[in-house]
Amino acid sequence: MGKRVLLTLAAALAAAPFIASGGARAASPTPHPTPAAAQGVFQNTYYSNADIIGAESEGYPTVRIVNDSGSDLCALIYVTDKDQEMKECCGCLITNGGTDILGVSDDLTNNPANGVPTINGSIGIISSAASACNPSAPKATPQLEAWSTHYQITLASGTLTEDEFTALPLSSAAQSDLVAECAAIQLIGSGKGICTCGSGEGA
């Protein structure tokens, strides 16, 4: 009997680390995944030499936004200067199969919120539901595509290049910053800081 008790005790002691280990694993908290930034709803590009080349030139810089989503959407546009101060914002409805063409000088940088013209900066677009066409209250809905032309000045002359907007993740914090700055412009701008939507091309 004594030998059987010793063998049983030895087996129990040998199994103890595995039991403790299993218990520790069971007690470990499951890590919560970090919320992913919204994908495919935000695009960004730069602009340069705004107001240097105006509408009188056939090659003046433009932004072209295309909607091939299958439903109407809204392009929420945020224009900032080189110091990332928001200058203008607006919402432009784009019907399914439609294209909106905006002049950088005429539509996007012509009405700065603080009245100070800007030459270089960035243009951000949030693709939003058609029912949410206010840039201070977006409803992010991916699908819109955008391209822009850029006037590159050299010593001798200038050339026009075209690039697709860069798709970027849009975090909740970044969206909140854009919305808050635009809302402030709408509240105190007295019409200043509101961009215009250019010309549309239907399907």
C-alpha atoms as a PDB file:
ATOM      1  CA  MET A   1       0.000   0.000   0.000  1.00  0.00           C
ATOM      2  CA  GLY A   2       2.818   2.429   0.861  1.00  0.00           C
ATOM      3  CA  LYS A   3       4.507   1.865  -2.488  1.00  0.00           C
ATOM      4  CA  ARG A   4       1.237   2.465  -4.371  1.00  0.00           C
ATOM      5  CA  VAL A   5       0.700   5.777  -2.513  1.00  0.00           C
ATOM      6  CA  LEU A   6       4.232   6.923  -3.390  1.00  0.00           C
ATOM      7  CA  LEU A   7       3.725   6.082  -7.067  1.00  0.00           C
ATOM      8  CA  THR A   8       0.411   7.957  -7.125  1.00  0.00           C
ATOM      9  CA  LEU A   9       2.011  10.982  -5.456  1.00  0.00           C
ATOM     10  CA  ALA A  10       4.900  10.960  -7.938  1.00  0.00           C
ATOM     11  CA  ALA A  11       2.491  10.863 -10.892  1.00  0.00           C
ATOM     12  CA  ALA A  12       0.523  13.767  -9.478  1.00  0.00           C
ATOM     13  CA  LEU A  13       3.669  15.844  -8.988  1.00  0.00           C
ATOM     14  CA  ALA A  14       4.805  15.083 -12.548  1.00  0.00           C
ATOM     15  CA  ALA A  15       1.465  16.246 -13.976  1.00  0.00           C
ATOM     16  CA  ALA A  16       1.324  19.413 -11.876  1.00  0.00           C
ATOM     17  CA  PRO A  17       3.388  21.645 -14.218  1.00  0.00           C
ATOM     18  CA  PHE A  18       1.168  20.741 -17.184  1.00  0.00           C
ATOM     19  CA  ILE A  19      -1.976  21.453 -15.179  1.00  0.00           C
ATOM     20  CA  ALA A  20      -0.572  24.774 -13.987  1.00  0.00           C
ATOM     21  CA  SER A  21       0.558  25.638 -17.484  1.00  0.00           C
ATOM     22  CA  GLY A  22      -2.837  24.815 -18.932  1.00  0.00           C
ATOM     23  CA  GLY A  23      -4.494  26.882 -16.238  1.00  0.00           C
ATOM     24  CA  ALA A  24      -2.239  29.833 -17.043  1.00  0.00           C
ATOM     25  CA  ARG A  25      -3.081  29.605 -20.714  1.00  0.00           C
ATOM     26  CA  ALA A  26      -6.786  29.508 -19.967  1.00  0.00           C
ATOM     27  CA  ALA A  27      -6.472  32.580 -17.758  1.00  0.00           C
ATOM     28  CA  SER A  28      -4.542  34.638 -20.334  1.00  0.00           C
ATOM     29  CA  PRO A  29      -6.713  37.446 -21.715  1.00  0.00           C
ATOM     30  CA  THR A  30      -7.496  37.339 -25.408  1.00  0.00           C
ATOM     31  CA  PRO A  31      -5.929  40.409 -27.042  1.00  0.00           C
ATOM     32  CA  HIS A  32      -8.430  42.778 -28.619  1.00  0.00           C
ATOM     33  CA  PRO A  33      -7.621  43.599 -32.240  1.00  0.00           C
ATOM     34  CA  THR A  34      -6.754  47.209 -32.985  1.00  0.00           C
ATOM     35  CA  PRO A  35      -9.571  48.791 -35.043  1.00  0.00           C
ATOM     36  CA  ALA A  36      -8.413  49.016 -38.645  1.00  0.00           C
ATOM     37  CA  ALA A  37      -8.433  52.351 -40.429  1.00  0.00           C
ATOM     38  CA  ALA A  38     -11.130  52.660 -43.071  1.00  0.00           C
ATOM     39  CA  GLN A  39      -9.759  51.420 -46.398  1.00  0.00           C
ATOM     40  CA  GLY A  40     -10.501  52.745 -49.864  1.00  0.00           C
ATOM     41  CA  VAL A  41     -12.381  55.860 -48.765  1.00  0.00           C
ATOM     42  CA  PHE A  42      -9.626  58.494 -48.651  1.00  0.00           C
ATOM     43  CA  GLN A  43      -7.353  59.736 -51.433  1.00  0.00           C
ATOM     44  CA  ASN A  44      -4.765  62.484 -51.441  1.00  0.00           C
ATOM     45  CA  THR A  45      -2.564  64.396 -53.861  1.00  0.00           C
ATOM     46  CA  TYR A  46      -0.519  67.575 -53.942  1.00  0.00           C
ATOM     47  CA  TYR A  47      -1.071  70.778 -55.870  1.00  0.00           C
ATOM     48  CA  SER A  48       1.578  73.271 -56.884  1.00  0.00           C
ATOM     49  CA  ASN A  49       1.761  76.615 -58.645  1.00  0.00           C
ATOM     50  CA  ALA A  50      -1.918  77.339 -58.013  1.00  0.00           C
ATOM     51  CA  ASP A  51      -3.028  80.731 -59.337  1.00  0.00           C
ATOM     52  CA  ILE A  52       0.133  80.963 -61.426  1.00  0.00           C
ATOM     53  CA  ILE A  53      -1.514  79.078 -64.281  1.00  0.00           C
ATOM     54  CA  GLY A  54      -5.165  80.087 -64.464  1.00  0.00           C
ATOM     55  CA  ALA A  55      -8.224  79.209 -66.509  1.00  0.00           C
ATOM     56  CA  GLU A  56      -7.015  81.259 -69.439  1.00  0.00           C
ATOM     57  CA  SER A  57      -4.447  78.539 -70.116  1.00  0.00           C
ATOM     58  CA  GLU A  58      -5.528  75.337 -71.828  1.00  0.00           C
ATOM     59  CA  GLY A  59      -3.148  73.379 -69.612  1.00  0.00           C
ATOM     60  CA  TYR A  60      -4.184  74.656 -66.209  1.00  0.00           C
ATOM     61  CA  PRO A  61      -4.146  72.069 -63.376  1.00  0.00           C
ATOM     62  CA  THR A  62      -7.344  70.102 -62.801  1.00  0.00           C
ATOM     63  CA  VAL A  63      -8.762  67.352 -60.605  1.00  0.00           C
ATOM     64  CA  ARG A  64     -10.882  64.696 -62.286  1.00  0.00           C
ATOM     65  CA  ILE A  65     -13.129  62.490 -60.109  1.00  0.00           C
ATOM     66  CA  VAL A  66     -14.849  59.448 -61.615  1.00  0.00           C
ATOM     67  CA  ASN A  67     -17.737  57.448 -60.180  1.00  0.00           C
ATOM     68  CA  ASP A  68     -18.115  53.910 -61.556  1.00  0.00           C
ATOM     69  CA  SER A  69     -19.561  52.484 -58.335  1.00  0.00           C
ATOM     70  CA  GLY A  70     -23.053  51.612 -59.565  1.00  0.00           C
ATOM     71  CA  SER A  71     -24.738  54.293 -57.459  1.00  0.00           C
ATOM     72  CA  ASP A  72     -24.525  58.029 -56.839  1.00  0.00           C
ATOM     73  CA  LEU A  73     -21.733  59.115 -54.489  1.00  0.00           C
ATOM     74  CA  CYS A  74     -20.369  62.318 -53.034  1.00  0.00           C
ATOM     75  CA  ALA A  75     -16.762  63.534 -53.164  1.00  0.00           C
ATOM     76  CA  LEU A  76     -15.937  65.388 -49.964  1.00  0.00           C
ATOM     77  CA  ILE A  77     -12.964  67.625 -50.745  1.00  0.00           C
ATOM     78  CA  TYR A  78     -10.487  69.122 -48.255  1.00  0.00           C
ATOM     79  CA  VAL A  79      -7.836  71.579 -49.457  1.00  0.00           C
ATOM     80  CA  THR A  80      -4.905  72.438 -47.205  1.00  0.00           C
ATOM     81  CA  ASP A  81      -1.822  74.585 -47.672  1.00  0.00           C
ATOM     82  CA  LYS A  82       1.782  73.438 -47.334  1.00  0.00           C
ATOM     83  CA  ASP A  83       1.524  73.877 -43.540  1.00  0.00           C
ATOM     84  CA  GLN A  84      -1.566  71.631 -43.420  1.00  0.00           C
ATOM     85  CA  GLU A  85      -3.895  74.503 -42.553  1.00  0.00           C
ATOM     86  CA  MET A  86      -7.274  73.884 -44.145  1.00  0.00           C
ATOM     87  CA  LYS A  87      -8.092  76.502 -46.762  1.00  0.00           C
ATOM     88  CA  GLU A  88     -11.271  75.195 -48.376  1.00  0.00           C
ATOM     89  CA  CYS A  89     -13.710  72.272 -48.200  1.00  0.00           C
ATOM     90  CA  CYS A  90     -16.858  71.265 -50.063  1.00  0.00           C
ATOM     91  CA  GLY A  91     -19.026  68.318 -51.098  1.00  0.00           C
ATOM     92  CA  CYS A  92     -19.662  67.452 -54.750  1.00  0.00           C
ATOM     93  CA  LEU A  93     -22.344  64.984 -55.821  1.00  0.00           C
ATOM     94  CA  ILE A  94     -21.197  62.688 -58.635  1.00  0.00           C
ATOM     95  CA  THR A  95     -23.839  60.563 -60.297  1.00  0.00           C
ATOM     96  CA  ASN A  96     -23.205  56.939 -61.191  1.00  0.00           C
ATOM     97  CA  GLY A  97     -21.056  56.804 -64.312  1.00  0.00           C
ATOM     98  CA  GLY A  98     -20.351  60.521 -64.053  1.00  0.00           C
ATOM     99  CA  THR A  99     -17.162  62.574 -63.922  1.00  0.00           C
ATOM    100  CA  ASP A 100     -16.489  65.833 -62.150  1.00  0.00           C
ATOM    101  CA  ILE A 101     -13.676  68.115 -63.392  1.00  0.00           C
ATOM    102  CA  LEU A 102     -12.474  70.815 -61.023  1.00  0.00           C
ATOM    103  CA  GLY A 103      -9.942  73.554 -61.705  1.00  0.00           C
ATOM    104  CA  VAL A 104      -7.316  73.736 -58.972  1.00  0.00           C
ATOM    105  CA  SER A 105      -7.060  77.523 -59.336  1.00  0.00           C
ATOM    106  CA  ASP A 106     -10.734  78.247 -60.109  1.00  0.00           C
ATOM    107  CA  ASP A 107     -12.591  75.785 -57.881  1.00  0.00           C
ATOM    108  CA  LEU A 108     -10.273  74.621 -55.110  1.00  0.00           C
ATOM    109  CA  THR A 109      -7.940  77.449 -54.129  1.00  0.00           C
ATOM    110  CA  ASN A 110      -9.832  80.556 -55.240  1.00  0.00           C
ATOM    111  CA  ASN A 111     -11.760  81.158 -52.003  1.00  0.00           C
ATOM    112  CA  PRO A 112      -9.392  80.581 -49.029  1.00  0.00           C
ATOM    113  CA  ALA A 113     -10.930  80.695 -45.561  1.00  0.00           C
ATOM    114  CA  ASN A 114      -8.429  83.223 -44.231  1.00  0.00           C
ATOM    115  CA  GLY A 115      -8.343  85.263 -47.433  1.00  0.00           C
ATOM    116  CA  VAL A 116      -4.676  84.469 -48.025  1.00  0.00           C
ATOM    117  CA  PRO A 117      -4.017  82.851 -51.428  1.00  0.00           C
ATOM    118  CA  THR A 118      -2.179  79.558 -51.386  1.00  0.00           C
ATOM    119  CA  ILE A 119       0.127  78.244 -54.084  1.00  0.00           C
ATOM    120  CA  ASN A 120       1.237  74.819 -52.810  1.00  0.00           C
ATOM    121  CA  GLY A 121      -0.504  72.233 -50.655  1.00  0.00           C
ATOM    122  CA  SER A 122      -2.594  69.064 -50.729  1.00  0.00           C
ATOM    123  CA  ILE A 123      -6.069  67.939 -51.752  1.00  0.00           C
ATOM    124  CA  GLY A 124      -7.838  65.147 -49.883  1.00  0.00           C
ATOM    125  CA  ILE A 125     -11.041  63.403 -50.980  1.00  0.00           C
ATOM    126  CA  ILE A 126     -13.326  61.249 -48.845  1.00  0.00           C
ATOM    127  CA  SER A 127     -15.673  59.056 -50.867  1.00  0.00           C
ATOM    128  CA  SER A 128     -19.045  59.405 -49.146  1.00  0.00           C
ATOM    129  CA  ALA A 129     -22.625  58.251 -49.558  1.00  0.00           C
ATOM    130  CA  ALA A 130     -24.764  60.542 -51.718  1.00  0.00           C
ATOM    131  CA  SER A 131     -26.988  61.166 -48.697  1.00  0.00           C
ATOM    132  CA  ALA A 132     -24.002  62.584 -46.793  1.00  0.00           C
ATOM    133  CA  CYS A 133     -22.652  65.306 -49.093  1.00  0.00           C
ATOM    134  CA  ASN A 134     -21.589  67.651 -46.298  1.00  0.00           C
ATOM    135  CA  PRO A 135     -17.800  67.570 -45.692  1.00  0.00           C
ATOM    136  CA  SER A 136     -18.409  68.171 -41.984  1.00  0.00           C
ATOM    137  CA  ALA A 137     -20.594  65.027 -41.731  1.00  0.00           C
ATOM    138  CA  PRO A 138     -19.240  62.259 -44.005  1.00  0.00           C
ATOM    139  CA  LYS A 139     -20.514  58.716 -44.381  1.00  0.00           C
ATOM    140  CA  ALA A 140     -17.458  56.994 -45.794  1.00  0.00           C
ATOM    141  CA  THR A 141     -18.292  54.769 -48.768  1.00  0.00           C
ATOM    142  CA  PRO A 142     -15.373  53.607 -50.957  1.00  0.00           C
ATOM    143  CA  GLN A 143     -15.500  53.639 -54.774  1.00  0.00           C
ATOM    144  CA  LEU A 144     -14.582  57.049 -56.175  1.00  0.00           C
ATOM    145  CA  GLU A 145     -11.423  57.374 -58.270  1.00  0.00           C
ATOM    146  CA  ALA A 146      -9.480  60.578 -58.831  1.00  0.00           C
ATOM    147  CA  TRP A 147      -6.621  61.958 -60.929  1.00  0.00           C
ATOM    148  CA  SER A 148      -4.962  65.351 -60.996  1.00  0.00           C
ATOM    149  CA  THR A 149      -2.731  67.291 -63.355  1.00  0.00           C
ATOM    150  CA  HIS A 150       0.225  69.306 -62.078  1.00  0.00           C
ATOM    151  CA  TYR A 151       1.945  72.208 -63.752  1.00  0.00           C
ATOM    152  CA  GLN A 152       5.709  71.750 -63.361  1.00  0.00           C
ATOM    153  CA  ILE A 153       7.646  74.951 -63.910  1.00  0.00           C
ATOM    154  CA  THR A 154      11.169  74.792 -65.307  1.00  0.00           C
ATOM    155  CA  LEU A 155      13.608  77.572 -66.095  1.00  0.00           C
ATOM    156  CA  ALA A 156      12.584  77.593 -69.733  1.00  0.00           C
ATOM    157  CA  SER A 157       8.896  76.711 -69.626  1.00  0.00           C
ATOM    158  CA  GLY A 158       6.332  74.537 -67.922  1.00  0.00           C
ATOM    159  CA  THR A 159       5.004  71.026 -68.436  1.00  0.00           C
ATOM    160  CA  LEU A 160       1.778  69.364 -67.384  1.00  0.00           C
ATOM    161  CA  THR A 161       1.885  65.944 -65.694  1.00  0.00           C
ATOM    162  CA  GLU A 162      -0.978  63.731 -64.529  1.00  0.00           C
ATOM    163  CA  ASP A 163      -1.054  61.343 -61.557  1.00  0.00           C
ATOM    164  CA  GLU A 164      -3.661  59.250 -59.817  1.00  0.00           C
ATOM    165  CA  PHE A 165      -4.515  60.261 -56.270  1.00  0.00           C
ATOM    166  CA  THR A 166      -2.826  58.121 -53.619  1.00  0.00           C
ATOM    167  CA  ALA A 167      -5.224  55.907 -51.646  1.00  0.00           C
ATOM    168  CA  LEU A 168      -4.537  56.140 -47.915  1.00  0.00           C
ATOM    169  CA  PRO A 169      -6.070  54.574 -44.804  1.00  0.00           C
ATOM    170  CA  LEU A 170      -8.357  56.965 -42.948  1.00  0.00           C
ATOM    171  CA  SER A 171      -8.238  56.657 -39.174  1.00  0.00           C
ATOM    172  CA  SER A 172     -11.048  57.919 -36.979  1.00  0.00           C
ATOM    173  CA  ALA A 173      -8.726  60.583 -35.582  1.00  0.00           C
ATOM    174  CA  ALA A 174      -7.704  61.847 -39.028  1.00  0.00           C
ATOM    175  CA  GLN A 175     -11.318  61.982 -40.184  1.00  0.00           C
ATOM    176  CA  SER A 176     -12.314  63.836 -37.018  1.00  0.00           C
ATOM    177  CA  ASP A 177      -9.608  66.446 -37.651  1.00  0.00           C
ATOM    178  CA  LEU A 178     -10.784  67.045 -41.225  1.00  0.00           C
ATOM    179  CA  VAL A 179     -14.423  67.257 -40.164  1.00  0.00           C
ATOM    180  CA  ALA A 180     -13.705  69.650 -37.280  1.00  0.00           C
ATOM    181  CA  GLU A 181     -11.619  72.026 -39.399  1.00  0.00           C
ATOM    182  CA  CYS A 182     -14.226  72.066 -42.157  1.00  0.00           C
ATOM    183  CA  ALA A 183     -17.058  72.611 -39.674  1.00  0.00           C
ATOM    184  CA  ALA A 184     -15.184  75.622 -38.274  1.00  0.00           C
ATOM    185  CA  ILE A 185     -14.832  77.071 -41.779  1.00  0.00           C
ATOM    186  CA  GLN A 186     -18.551  76.578 -42.427  1.00  0.00           C
ATOM    187  CA  LEU A 187     -19.443  78.181 -39.106  1.00  0.00           C
ATOM    188  CA  ILE A 188     -17.299  81.304 -39.140  1.00  0.00           C
ATOM    189  CA  GLY A 189     -16.154  81.657 -42.739  1.00  0.00           C
ATOM    190  CA  SER A 190     -19.146  83.700 -43.960  1.00  0.00           C
ATOM    191  CA  GLY A 191     -18.885  81.932 -47.316  1.00  0.00           C
ATOM    192  CA  LYS A 192     -15.101  81.962 -47.361  1.00  0.00           C
ATOM    193  CA  GLY A 193     -13.364  78.600 -47.466  1.00  0.00           C
ATOM    194  CA  ILE A 194     -16.076  76.839 -49.493  1.00  0.00           C
ATOM    195  CA  CYS A 195     -14.762  75.350 -52.727  1.00  0.00           C
ATOM    196  CA  THR A 196     -16.866  74.820 -55.845  1.00  0.00           C
ATOM    197  CA  CYS A 197     -17.568  71.670 -57.823  1.00  0.00           C
ATOM    198  CA  GLY A 198     -16.432  72.509 -61.330  1.00  0.00           C
ATOM    199  CA  SER A 199     -18.119  70.901 -64.302  1.00  0.00           C
ATOM    200  CA  GLY A 200     -19.706  67.477 -64.483  1.00  0.00           C
ATOM    201  CA  GLU A 201     -19.892  64.991 -67.291  1.00  0.00           C
ATOM    202  CA  GLY A 202     -22.825  62.600 -67.197  1.00  0.00           C
ATOM    203  CA  ALA A 203     -22.735  58.964 -68.173  1.00  0.00           C
END
